[in-house]
N, C-alpha and C. Protein backbone atom coordinates (compact mmCIF):
# COMPACT_ATOMS: atom_id res chain seq x y z
N MET A 1 44.92 22.54 48.26
CA MET A 1 44.85 21.87 46.87
C MET A 1 45.93 22.30 45.98
N ALA A 2 46.61 21.41 45.27
CA ALA A 2 47.67 21.91 44.32
C ALA A 2 47.18 22.64 43.16
N LYS A 3 47.72 23.75 42.76
CA LYS A 3 47.23 24.58 41.57
C LYS A 3 47.20 23.54 40.50
N GLY A 4 45.96 23.60 39.75
CA GLY A 4 45.80 22.93 38.53
C GLY A 4 45.08 21.64 38.67
N ARG A 5 44.93 21.18 40.18
CA ARG A 5 44.21 19.94 40.05
C ARG A 5 42.88 20.21 40.68
N SER A 6 41.86 19.49 40.25
CA SER A 6 40.50 19.65 40.82
C SER A 6 40.36 18.55 41.85
N GLN A 7 39.22 18.75 42.66
CA GLN A 7 38.95 17.72 43.60
C GLN A 7 38.90 16.40 43.16
N ASP A 8 38.35 16.24 41.92
CA ASP A 8 38.12 14.85 41.18
C ASP A 8 39.49 14.30 40.91
N ASP A 9 40.57 14.99 40.79
CA ASP A 9 41.86 14.39 40.62
C ASP A 9 42.53 14.10 41.93
N MET A 10 42.02 14.51 43.04
CA MET A 10 42.69 14.24 44.20
C MET A 10 42.30 12.86 44.69
N PRO A 11 43.33 12.00 45.38
CA PRO A 11 43.07 10.86 45.77
C PRO A 11 42.07 10.98 47.08
N PRO A 12 41.23 9.63 47.11
CA PRO A 12 40.18 9.83 48.28
C PRO A 12 40.89 9.88 49.59
N PRO A 13 40.01 10.56 50.64
CA PRO A 13 40.60 10.56 51.84
C PRO A 13 40.86 9.03 52.67
N ASP A 14 41.86 8.94 53.43
CA ASP A 14 42.01 7.46 53.95
C ASP A 14 40.80 6.93 54.71
N ASN A 15 40.09 7.93 55.44
CA ASN A 15 38.98 7.41 56.15
C ASN A 15 37.62 7.59 55.44
N TRP A 16 37.57 7.73 54.24
CA TRP A 16 36.39 7.74 53.51
C TRP A 16 35.20 6.83 53.89
N ARG A 17 35.63 5.56 54.06
CA ARG A 17 34.77 4.58 54.35
C ARG A 17 33.90 4.88 55.46
N GLU A 18 34.70 5.13 56.66
CA GLU A 18 34.05 5.38 57.88
C GLU A 18 33.14 6.57 57.93
N VAL A 19 33.69 7.71 57.23
CA VAL A 19 32.94 8.93 57.11
C VAL A 19 31.59 8.60 56.34
N PHE A 20 31.80 7.87 55.23
CA PHE A 20 30.56 7.59 54.47
C PHE A 20 29.51 6.88 55.20
N LEU A 21 29.99 5.81 55.81
CA LEU A 21 28.96 4.84 56.58
C LEU A 21 28.35 5.62 57.80
N GLU A 22 29.19 6.46 58.52
CA GLU A 22 28.63 7.27 59.58
C GLU A 22 27.49 8.13 59.03
N HIS A 23 27.84 8.87 57.89
CA HIS A 23 26.84 9.82 57.48
C HIS A 23 25.55 9.15 56.77
N LEU A 24 26.00 7.80 56.22
CA LEU A 24 24.75 7.00 55.73
C LEU A 24 23.77 6.53 57.02
N ALA A 25 24.45 6.16 57.95
CA ALA A 25 23.46 5.75 59.06
C ALA A 25 22.80 6.83 59.81
N GLN A 26 23.25 8.12 59.47
CA GLN A 26 22.51 9.27 60.16
C GLN A 26 21.50 9.80 59.19
N THR A 27 21.74 9.67 57.71
CA THR A 27 20.73 10.32 56.93
C THR A 27 20.05 9.30 56.10
N SER A 28 20.50 8.03 55.84
CA SER A 28 20.00 7.17 54.84
C SER A 28 20.07 7.82 53.37
N ASN A 29 21.12 8.68 53.00
CA ASN A 29 21.13 9.36 51.84
C ASN A 29 22.59 9.05 51.30
N VAL A 30 22.74 8.38 50.24
CA VAL A 30 24.01 7.73 49.74
C VAL A 30 24.60 9.07 48.99
N SER A 31 23.99 9.87 48.47
CA SER A 31 24.78 11.18 47.81
C SER A 31 25.22 11.87 48.84
N GLY A 32 24.58 12.42 49.82
CA GLY A 32 24.80 13.19 50.94
C GLY A 32 25.99 12.51 51.62
N ALA A 33 26.06 11.27 51.81
CA ALA A 33 27.14 10.62 52.69
C ALA A 33 28.58 10.52 51.67
N ALA A 34 28.26 10.49 50.37
CA ALA A 34 29.42 10.57 49.48
C ALA A 34 29.95 11.81 49.61
N ARG A 35 29.24 13.00 49.47
CA ARG A 35 29.68 14.38 49.61
C ARG A 35 30.44 14.51 50.95
N ALA A 36 29.91 14.21 52.12
CA ALA A 36 30.57 14.28 53.46
C ALA A 36 31.87 13.50 53.35
N ALA A 37 32.03 12.45 52.67
CA ALA A 37 33.28 11.67 52.80
C ALA A 37 34.15 12.06 51.72
N LYS A 38 33.74 13.08 50.88
CA LYS A 38 34.58 13.62 49.89
C LYS A 38 35.10 12.73 48.70
N ILE A 39 34.14 11.92 48.25
CA ILE A 39 34.41 10.89 47.28
C ILE A 39 33.16 10.77 46.34
N LYS A 40 33.60 10.28 45.23
CA LYS A 40 32.43 10.15 44.07
C LYS A 40 31.74 8.89 44.28
N PRO A 41 30.35 9.10 44.03
CA PRO A 41 29.30 7.88 44.20
C PRO A 41 29.78 6.84 43.48
N GLY A 42 30.39 6.99 42.38
CA GLY A 42 30.85 5.74 41.43
C GLY A 42 31.83 4.83 42.23
N THR A 43 32.74 5.49 42.95
CA THR A 43 33.63 4.72 43.65
C THR A 43 33.13 4.11 44.78
N ILE A 44 32.09 4.59 45.44
CA ILE A 44 31.42 4.14 46.58
C ILE A 44 30.75 2.76 46.19
N TYR A 45 29.94 3.04 45.03
CA TYR A 45 29.15 1.75 44.34
C TYR A 45 30.17 0.79 43.95
N ARG A 46 31.32 1.13 43.39
CA ARG A 46 32.14 0.05 42.80
C ARG A 46 32.83 -0.64 44.09
N ALA A 47 33.15 0.08 45.21
CA ALA A 47 33.64 -0.55 46.55
C ALA A 47 32.50 -1.52 47.03
N ARG A 48 31.19 -1.23 47.00
CA ARG A 48 30.29 -1.99 47.48
C ARG A 48 30.18 -3.44 46.58
N ARG A 49 30.29 -3.18 45.36
CA ARG A 49 30.19 -4.36 44.60
C ARG A 49 31.42 -5.36 44.56
N ASN A 50 32.57 -4.81 44.96
CA ASN A 50 33.86 -5.44 45.02
C ASN A 50 34.28 -5.94 46.46
N ASP A 51 33.53 -5.43 47.47
CA ASP A 51 33.97 -5.72 48.89
C ASP A 51 32.80 -6.18 49.53
N PRO A 52 32.66 -7.49 49.78
CA PRO A 52 31.42 -7.97 50.48
C PRO A 52 31.24 -7.43 52.03
N GLU A 53 32.44 -7.16 52.71
CA GLU A 53 32.52 -6.64 54.19
C GLU A 53 31.95 -5.25 53.98
N PHE A 54 32.39 -4.36 52.98
CA PHE A 54 31.79 -3.06 52.88
C PHE A 54 30.38 -2.90 52.54
N ALA A 55 29.88 -3.82 51.64
CA ALA A 55 28.48 -4.06 51.32
C ALA A 55 27.68 -4.37 52.59
N GLN A 56 28.19 -5.18 53.38
CA GLN A 56 27.46 -5.52 54.69
C GLN A 56 27.41 -4.35 55.53
N ALA A 57 28.45 -3.73 55.62
CA ALA A 57 28.58 -2.45 56.56
C ALA A 57 27.57 -1.43 55.90
N TRP A 58 27.49 -1.31 54.71
CA TRP A 58 26.62 -0.29 54.03
C TRP A 58 25.19 -0.61 54.35
N PHE A 59 24.64 -1.86 54.11
CA PHE A 59 23.31 -2.35 54.51
C PHE A 59 23.17 -2.15 55.97
N GLU A 60 24.00 -2.31 56.95
CA GLU A 60 23.89 -2.23 58.21
C GLU A 60 23.62 -0.71 58.73
N ALA A 61 24.43 0.10 57.87
CA ALA A 61 24.22 1.55 58.15
C ALA A 61 22.84 2.00 57.61
N LEU A 62 22.40 1.43 56.51
CA LEU A 62 21.13 1.78 56.11
C LEU A 62 20.00 1.46 57.08
N CYS A 63 20.06 0.15 57.52
CA CYS A 63 19.20 -0.29 58.41
C CYS A 63 19.01 0.70 59.72
N GLU A 64 20.43 1.06 60.13
CA GLU A 64 20.45 2.10 61.32
C GLU A 64 19.66 3.31 60.81
N GLY A 65 19.95 3.77 59.70
CA GLY A 65 19.35 5.01 59.17
C GLY A 65 17.86 5.08 59.11
N TYR A 66 17.44 3.80 58.52
CA TYR A 66 15.94 3.50 58.62
C TYR A 66 15.38 3.71 59.96
N ASP A 67 16.01 3.08 60.90
CA ASP A 67 15.56 2.90 62.29
C ASP A 67 15.37 4.36 62.74
N LEU A 68 16.50 5.16 62.70
CA LEU A 68 16.42 6.40 63.01
C LEU A 68 15.29 7.36 62.50
N LEU A 69 15.13 7.09 61.15
CA LEU A 69 13.99 7.85 60.40
C LEU A 69 12.55 7.53 60.99
N GLU A 70 12.52 6.11 61.26
CA GLU A 70 11.30 5.62 61.65
C GLU A 70 11.09 6.33 63.15
N LEU A 71 12.04 6.29 64.05
CA LEU A 71 11.89 6.76 65.28
C LEU A 71 11.68 8.44 65.34
N ASP A 72 12.31 9.17 64.46
CA ASP A 72 12.26 10.50 64.17
C ASP A 72 10.64 10.72 63.67
N LEU A 73 10.26 9.95 62.74
CA LEU A 73 8.84 10.22 62.25
C LEU A 73 7.93 9.93 63.33
N LEU A 74 8.04 8.81 64.17
CA LEU A 74 7.13 8.49 65.18
C LEU A 74 7.06 9.54 66.26
N ARG A 75 8.34 10.16 66.55
CA ARG A 75 8.24 11.34 67.47
C ARG A 75 7.67 12.43 67.09
N ARG A 76 7.88 12.78 65.76
CA ARG A 76 7.12 14.14 65.25
C ARG A 76 5.54 13.90 65.06
N LEU A 77 5.16 12.71 64.86
CA LEU A 77 3.72 12.30 64.70
C LEU A 77 3.10 12.39 66.12
N ARG A 78 3.84 11.98 67.10
CA ARG A 78 3.28 12.00 68.51
C ARG A 78 3.49 13.25 69.05
N MET A 79 4.51 13.89 68.95
CA MET A 79 4.75 15.12 69.80
C MET A 79 4.64 16.40 69.01
N GLY A 80 4.53 16.29 67.74
CA GLY A 80 4.66 17.37 66.79
C GLY A 80 6.03 17.88 66.30
N ASP A 81 6.22 18.93 65.75
CA ASP A 81 7.66 19.43 65.22
C ASP A 81 8.16 20.30 66.30
N ASN A 82 9.02 19.78 67.29
CA ASN A 82 9.44 20.62 68.19
C ASN A 82 10.82 21.15 68.01
N ASP A 83 10.95 22.19 67.36
CA ASP A 83 12.23 22.81 67.07
C ASP A 83 12.39 23.77 68.25
N SER A 84 13.60 23.98 68.39
CA SER A 84 14.23 24.84 69.51
C SER A 84 13.60 26.16 69.40
N PRO A 85 13.05 26.65 70.59
CA PRO A 85 12.36 28.00 70.55
C PRO A 85 13.39 28.99 70.15
N THR A 86 14.56 28.81 70.25
CA THR A 86 15.63 29.94 69.90
C THR A 86 16.15 29.67 68.38
N ALA A 87 15.63 28.72 67.92
CA ALA A 87 15.93 28.53 66.31
C ALA A 87 15.47 29.78 65.46
N LYS A 88 16.41 30.17 64.66
CA LYS A 88 16.01 31.35 63.87
C LYS A 88 15.11 30.88 62.72
N ARG A 89 15.10 29.68 62.38
CA ARG A 89 14.14 29.24 61.27
C ARG A 89 13.61 27.96 61.58
N LYS A 90 12.25 27.79 61.42
CA LYS A 90 11.70 26.59 61.83
C LYS A 90 11.93 25.49 60.63
N ARG A 91 12.39 24.43 61.28
CA ARG A 91 12.52 23.45 60.27
C ARG A 91 11.47 22.68 59.66
N LYS A 92 11.38 22.55 58.28
CA LYS A 92 10.10 21.87 57.79
C LYS A 92 10.44 20.40 57.51
N TYR A 93 9.52 19.67 57.91
CA TYR A 93 9.61 18.13 57.83
C TYR A 93 8.66 17.82 56.84
N ASP A 94 9.10 16.67 55.98
CA ASP A 94 8.29 16.07 54.96
C ASP A 94 7.96 14.75 55.46
N ASN A 95 6.77 14.71 56.15
CA ASN A 95 6.35 13.33 56.68
C ASN A 95 5.97 12.42 55.61
N ALA A 96 5.43 13.01 54.74
CA ALA A 96 4.92 12.12 53.50
C ALA A 96 6.01 11.35 52.79
N THR A 97 7.09 12.04 52.53
CA THR A 97 8.32 11.58 51.95
C THR A 97 8.82 10.48 52.81
N SER A 98 8.98 10.80 54.16
CA SER A 98 9.42 9.92 55.21
C SER A 98 8.74 8.56 55.06
N PHE A 99 7.47 8.68 55.06
CA PHE A 99 6.59 7.51 54.83
C PHE A 99 6.81 6.58 53.76
N ARG A 100 7.05 7.46 52.55
CA ARG A 100 7.23 6.71 51.18
C ARG A 100 8.67 6.08 51.35
N LEU A 101 9.61 6.74 51.88
CA LEU A 101 10.97 6.18 51.80
C LEU A 101 10.87 4.81 52.78
N LEU A 102 10.28 5.03 53.89
CA LEU A 102 10.27 3.76 54.78
C LEU A 102 9.55 2.73 53.98
N SER A 103 8.45 2.90 53.39
CA SER A 103 7.63 1.88 52.69
C SER A 103 8.33 1.32 51.69
N ALA A 104 9.16 2.18 50.65
CA ALA A 104 9.73 1.52 49.67
C ALA A 104 10.95 0.63 50.12
N HIS A 105 11.56 1.01 51.23
CA HIS A 105 12.67 0.04 51.58
C HIS A 105 12.35 -0.80 52.71
N ARG A 106 11.14 -0.90 52.99
CA ARG A 106 10.84 -1.83 54.12
C ARG A 106 11.16 -3.35 53.76
N ALA A 107 11.01 -3.79 52.71
CA ALA A 107 11.23 -5.17 52.38
C ALA A 107 12.75 -5.31 52.34
N THR A 108 13.60 -4.41 51.85
CA THR A 108 14.98 -4.75 51.93
C THR A 108 15.57 -4.65 53.17
N VAL A 109 15.02 -3.81 54.14
CA VAL A 109 15.46 -3.74 55.43
C VAL A 109 15.13 -4.93 56.34
N SER A 110 13.81 -5.25 56.02
CA SER A 110 13.36 -6.58 56.77
C SER A 110 14.03 -7.79 56.35
N GLN A 111 14.25 -8.01 55.03
CA GLN A 111 15.15 -8.95 54.70
C GLN A 111 16.65 -8.78 55.17
N MET A 112 17.12 -7.65 55.28
CA MET A 112 18.50 -7.71 55.82
C MET A 112 18.61 -8.00 57.37
N ARG A 113 17.63 -7.50 58.04
CA ARG A 113 17.47 -7.76 59.43
C ARG A 113 17.15 -9.42 59.62
N ALA A 114 16.44 -10.02 58.84
CA ALA A 114 16.16 -11.51 58.97
C ALA A 114 17.55 -12.17 58.55
N ASP A 115 18.25 -11.56 57.64
CA ASP A 115 19.55 -12.42 57.34
C ASP A 115 20.55 -12.12 58.41
N GLN A 116 20.58 -10.97 59.03
CA GLN A 116 21.53 -10.80 60.11
C GLN A 116 21.25 -11.79 61.30
N GLN A 117 20.05 -11.97 61.64
CA GLN A 117 19.60 -12.68 62.74
C GLN A 117 19.44 -14.23 62.45
N GLN A 118 19.60 -14.48 60.99
CA GLN A 118 19.43 -15.73 60.56
C GLN A 118 18.40 -16.70 61.27
N LEU A 119 17.15 -15.92 60.96
CA LEU A 119 15.87 -16.62 61.71
C LEU A 119 15.37 -17.52 60.44
N SER A 120 14.53 -18.49 60.95
CA SER A 120 13.85 -19.42 59.88
C SER A 120 12.43 -18.57 59.75
N GLU A 121 11.80 -19.03 58.78
CA GLU A 121 10.49 -18.52 58.47
C GLU A 121 9.49 -18.72 59.69
N ASP A 122 9.30 -19.84 60.37
CA ASP A 122 8.78 -20.00 61.31
C ASP A 122 9.14 -19.13 62.62
N GLU A 123 10.25 -18.84 62.88
CA GLU A 123 10.82 -17.86 63.82
C GLU A 123 10.36 -16.35 63.55
N VAL A 124 10.37 -16.19 62.35
CA VAL A 124 10.07 -14.75 61.95
C VAL A 124 8.42 -14.68 62.19
N ILE A 125 7.74 -15.66 61.90
CA ILE A 125 6.24 -15.52 62.05
C ILE A 125 5.85 -15.56 63.37
N ALA A 126 6.53 -16.33 64.26
CA ALA A 126 6.36 -16.45 65.80
C ALA A 126 6.63 -15.14 66.26
N SER A 127 7.75 -14.45 65.89
CA SER A 127 8.12 -13.12 66.29
C SER A 127 7.06 -12.05 66.06
N ILE A 128 6.58 -12.28 64.86
CA ILE A 128 5.56 -11.27 64.33
C ILE A 128 4.21 -11.42 65.11
N ASN A 129 3.81 -12.61 65.48
CA ASN A 129 2.70 -12.95 66.09
C ASN A 129 2.75 -12.50 67.55
N ASP A 130 3.98 -12.59 68.22
CA ASP A 130 4.13 -12.24 69.53
C ASP A 130 4.09 -10.65 69.58
N LYS A 131 4.69 -9.86 68.67
CA LYS A 131 4.52 -8.46 68.58
C LYS A 131 3.11 -8.12 68.42
N LEU A 132 2.24 -8.76 67.60
CA LEU A 132 0.91 -8.31 67.45
C LEU A 132 0.07 -8.60 68.86
N ASP A 133 0.36 -9.78 69.53
CA ASP A 133 -0.25 -10.05 70.81
C ASP A 133 0.03 -8.88 71.71
N ARG A 134 1.26 -8.41 71.84
CA ARG A 134 1.65 -7.36 72.70
C ARG A 134 0.89 -6.11 72.34
N MET A 135 0.87 -5.79 71.07
CA MET A 135 0.14 -4.67 70.68
C MET A 135 -1.47 -4.67 71.14
N ARG A 136 -1.89 -6.03 70.83
CA ARG A 136 -3.38 -6.28 71.23
C ARG A 136 -3.50 -5.97 72.80
N GLU A 137 -2.59 -6.46 73.51
CA GLU A 137 -2.64 -6.16 74.92
C GLU A 137 -2.68 -5.01 75.42
N ARG A 138 -1.74 -4.05 74.78
CA ARG A 138 -1.66 -2.61 74.95
C ARG A 138 -3.03 -1.87 74.58
N MET A 139 -3.62 -2.34 73.56
CA MET A 139 -4.99 -1.77 73.08
C MET A 139 -5.93 -2.08 74.21
N ARG A 140 -6.06 -3.37 74.58
CA ARG A 140 -7.15 -3.71 75.52
C ARG A 140 -6.89 -2.84 76.91
N ALA A 141 -5.70 -2.77 77.34
CA ALA A 141 -5.34 -2.16 78.47
C ALA A 141 -5.90 -0.52 78.29
N ALA A 142 -5.54 0.10 77.12
CA ALA A 142 -5.95 1.34 76.99
C ALA A 142 -7.51 1.48 76.89
N GLU A 143 -8.27 0.52 76.23
CA GLU A 143 -9.66 0.62 76.13
C GLU A 143 -10.22 0.43 77.68
N GLU A 144 -9.68 -0.30 78.52
CA GLU A 144 -10.03 -0.55 79.86
C GLU A 144 -10.00 0.84 80.73
N GLU A 145 -8.87 1.52 80.44
CA GLU A 145 -8.55 2.85 81.19
C GLU A 145 -9.37 3.94 80.54
N ALA A 146 -9.86 3.91 79.42
CA ALA A 146 -10.53 4.88 78.81
C ALA A 146 -12.15 4.93 79.38
N PRO A 147 -12.44 6.15 79.57
CA PRO A 147 -13.90 6.28 80.06
C PRO A 147 -14.81 5.80 78.96
N PRO A 148 -15.96 5.19 79.41
CA PRO A 148 -16.86 4.80 78.47
C PRO A 148 -17.52 5.86 77.65
N VAL A 149 -17.80 5.73 76.42
CA VAL A 149 -18.31 6.55 75.62
C VAL A 149 -19.92 6.59 75.61
N LEU A 150 -20.49 7.49 76.01
CA LEU A 150 -21.99 7.49 76.05
C LEU A 150 -22.66 8.06 74.77
N PRO A 151 -23.63 7.56 74.42
CA PRO A 151 -24.38 8.15 73.23
C PRO A 151 -24.85 9.56 73.56
N ALA A 152 -24.96 10.43 72.64
CA ALA A 152 -25.23 11.76 72.60
C ALA A 152 -26.99 11.76 73.11
N PRO A 153 -27.11 12.63 74.04
CA PRO A 153 -28.61 12.72 74.42
C PRO A 153 -29.50 13.19 73.33
N THR A 154 -30.68 12.46 73.29
CA THR A 154 -31.82 12.81 72.21
C THR A 154 -32.72 13.58 72.83
N ASP A 155 -33.46 14.45 72.06
CA ASP A 155 -34.48 15.33 72.38
C ASP A 155 -35.68 14.76 72.32
N SER A 156 -36.34 14.22 73.42
CA SER A 156 -37.65 13.37 73.21
C SER A 156 -38.88 14.20 73.57
N SER A 157 -38.58 15.53 73.62
CA SER A 157 -39.64 16.30 74.16
C SER A 157 -40.61 16.80 72.94
N ASN A 158 -40.02 16.43 71.77
CA ASN A 158 -40.86 16.94 70.43
C ASN A 158 -41.35 15.75 69.99
N ASP A 159 -42.73 15.34 70.19
CA ASP A 159 -43.33 14.06 69.79
C ASP A 159 -43.85 14.12 68.36
N ASP A 160 -43.74 15.43 67.70
CA ASP A 160 -44.25 15.48 66.42
C ASP A 160 -43.31 14.96 65.37
N GLU A 161 -42.16 14.80 65.77
CA GLU A 161 -41.02 14.46 64.82
C GLU A 161 -40.97 12.73 65.02
N HIS A 162 -41.27 11.95 64.03
CA HIS A 162 -41.01 10.57 64.20
C HIS A 162 -40.24 10.07 62.88
N GLU A 163 -39.58 9.14 63.15
CA GLU A 163 -38.96 8.32 61.91
C GLU A 163 -40.15 7.52 61.25
N PRO A 164 -39.99 7.29 59.98
CA PRO A 164 -41.10 6.59 59.25
C PRO A 164 -41.23 5.28 59.85
N GLY A 165 -42.37 4.73 60.06
CA GLY A 165 -42.61 3.42 60.59
C GLY A 165 -42.36 3.26 62.07
N GLU A 166 -42.03 4.27 62.73
CA GLU A 166 -41.91 4.38 64.12
C GLU A 166 -43.26 4.50 64.87
N GLN A 167 -43.52 3.83 65.92
CA GLN A 167 -44.89 3.89 66.72
C GLN A 167 -44.57 4.93 67.73
N THR A 168 -45.64 5.61 68.11
CA THR A 168 -45.68 6.60 69.27
C THR A 168 -46.51 5.94 70.37
């Protein structure tokens, strides 16, 4: 860096868009992706406003990031927090924040996916119904494979204890 010039005075790197989008897809974090691309957030937001192709790529990166977040969250919920046994420090996951983030942006991501696929309302509803049917089939199959749950045995040897109104 030239003496007397701050990083803010330096021109942005030529590949800042690619770096930004890659980090955004990995993290779903605009500020973190801006730091990785060595560019001011204001520049990034201005580019999104003025460049429809960049705006589209931004939303695609966010969709990918939310997919990764959802998959990572599902893996942690199913299998636990599996950090490497050789890790010096156990990574702490904030599942509640992950859920809130996914919930807060679910509508935006869903709308973006629908726009990308250009599906009609009827096609979206049919797709949802199909997914629900598959989920129900998996639940039925799991119930059929599960052993029956028997009621707990009752102690009928003590005839002195009766429920009110019960005949002996």
